[in-house]
Amino acid sequence: MTATDNVTLNAISPAQSRAARGLLNWSRDDLSERCGVAKRTLLRFETGEGDTRSATLAAVRSALEAAGVVFIEQNGDGPGVRLRKVAT
C-alpha cells in the first residue's frame, strides 16, 4: 500500500497536503517544523513514495488544521482543501 492508497479515517492524500501548504504559503520546512515530521518523510509522503504511518498523517493533518485548513472528503468530485472562514 502506498501513501496514496492509505485509507484511514483521518487520512489525507499527498495532493491535499501539497494544496494545503500552497494555501498557507508554507514550504515543506515550515510544515516539518510545525508538525514535528522530518522533511524527508514529508517529501516521500507528498510524492507517494512508500507507506506513510497513520501517526505521521495525523500529525500533518493536525498542524494544517490548526493553521486553518479544512479537509474536504471524497464527495464525487474528489477530496480537497480550503481555508476556514475567518470571523470578522
Protein backbone atom coordinates (compact mmCIF):
# COMPACT_ATOMS: atom_id res chain seq x y z
CA MET A 1 0.00 0.00 0.00
CA THR A 2 1.36 3.44 -0.92
CA ALA A 3 0.67 6.77 0.75
CA THR A 4 -1.93 7.47 -1.90
CA ASP A 5 -3.73 4.19 -1.14
CA ASN A 6 -3.59 4.61 2.64
CA VAL A 7 -7.24 4.78 3.62
CA THR A 8 -7.65 5.53 7.30
CA LEU A 9 -10.43 7.52 8.86
CA ASN A 10 -8.41 10.73 9.11
CA ALA A 11 -6.02 10.11 6.23
CA ILE A 12 -5.17 12.89 3.86
CA SER A 13 -3.84 12.48 0.35
CA PRO A 14 -0.47 13.72 -0.85
CA ALA A 15 -2.28 16.19 -3.13
CA GLN A 16 -4.28 17.56 -0.20
CA SER A 17 -1.09 18.10 1.77
CA ARG A 18 0.58 19.94 -1.12
CA ALA A 19 -2.54 22.02 -1.76
CA ALA A 20 -2.89 22.90 1.92
CA ARG A 21 0.72 24.06 2.06
CA GLY A 22 0.06 26.15 -1.03
CA LEU A 23 -2.97 27.83 0.55
CA LEU A 24 -0.89 28.64 3.62
CA ASN A 25 2.19 29.59 1.58
CA TRP A 26 4.20 27.07 3.61
CA SER A 27 7.29 25.26 2.45
CA ARG A 28 7.96 21.66 3.46
CA ASP A 29 10.38 23.10 6.02
CA ASP A 30 7.53 25.15 7.51
CA LEU A 31 5.26 22.12 7.75
CA SER A 32 8.04 19.94 9.11
CA GLU A 33 8.71 22.44 11.89
CA ARG A 34 5.03 22.76 12.80
CA CYS A 35 4.15 19.05 12.80
CA GLY A 36 7.41 17.51 14.02
CA VAL A 37 7.79 15.25 10.98
CA ALA A 38 11.12 15.07 9.15
CA LYS A 39 11.27 16.97 5.85
CA ARG A 40 12.38 13.81 4.02
CA THR A 41 9.34 11.93 5.38
CA LEU A 42 7.06 14.73 4.14
CA LEU A 43 8.74 14.59 0.74
CA ARG A 44 8.20 10.82 0.50
CA PHE A 45 4.56 11.20 1.55
CA GLU A 46 3.79 14.09 -0.81
CA THR A 47 5.36 12.28 -3.76
CA GLY A 48 3.60 9.00 -2.95
CA GLU A 49 6.77 7.04 -2.22
CA GLY A 50 6.13 4.03 0.01
CA ASP A 51 3.96 3.74 3.09
CA THR A 52 3.19 6.57 5.46
CA ARG A 53 2.38 5.80 9.09
CA SER A 54 -1.03 6.86 10.34
CA ALA A 55 0.65 8.77 13.19
CA THR A 56 2.56 10.81 10.61
CA LEU A 57 -0.62 11.57 8.66
CA ALA A 58 -2.36 12.59 11.89
CA ALA A 59 0.49 14.97 12.82
CA VAL A 60 0.47 16.57 9.36
CA ARG A 61 -3.31 16.92 9.32
CA SER A 62 -3.38 18.36 12.84
CA ALA A 63 -0.77 21.02 12.05
CA LEU A 64 -2.55 22.05 8.86
CA GLU A 65 -5.96 22.17 10.55
CA ALA A 66 -4.52 24.27 13.39
CA ALA A 67 -3.43 26.77 10.73
CA GLY A 68 -6.96 26.99 9.32
CA VAL A 69 -7.08 24.31 6.63
CA VAL A 70 -10.33 22.36 6.25
CA PHE A 71 -10.09 18.98 4.56
CA ILE A 72 -12.90 18.12 2.18
CA GLU A 73 -13.56 14.40 1.95
CA GLN A 74 -14.18 12.46 -1.23
CA ASN A 75 -17.63 13.58 -2.40
CA GLY A 76 -17.88 12.58 -6.04
CA ASP A 77 -15.59 15.35 -7.24
CA GLY A 78 -12.60 14.15 -5.25
CA PRO A 79 -11.01 15.23 -1.98
CA GLY A 80 -9.84 18.79 -1.50
CA VAL A 81 -8.89 21.56 0.91
CA ARG A 82 -9.99 25.07 1.70
CA LEU A 83 -9.21 27.67 4.34
CA ARG A 84 -11.57 28.17 7.24
CA LYS A 85 -13.56 31.38 7.08
CA VAL A 86 -12.09 34.00 9.38
CA ALA A 87 -14.61 35.55 11.76
CA THR A 88 -14.96 39.28 11.28
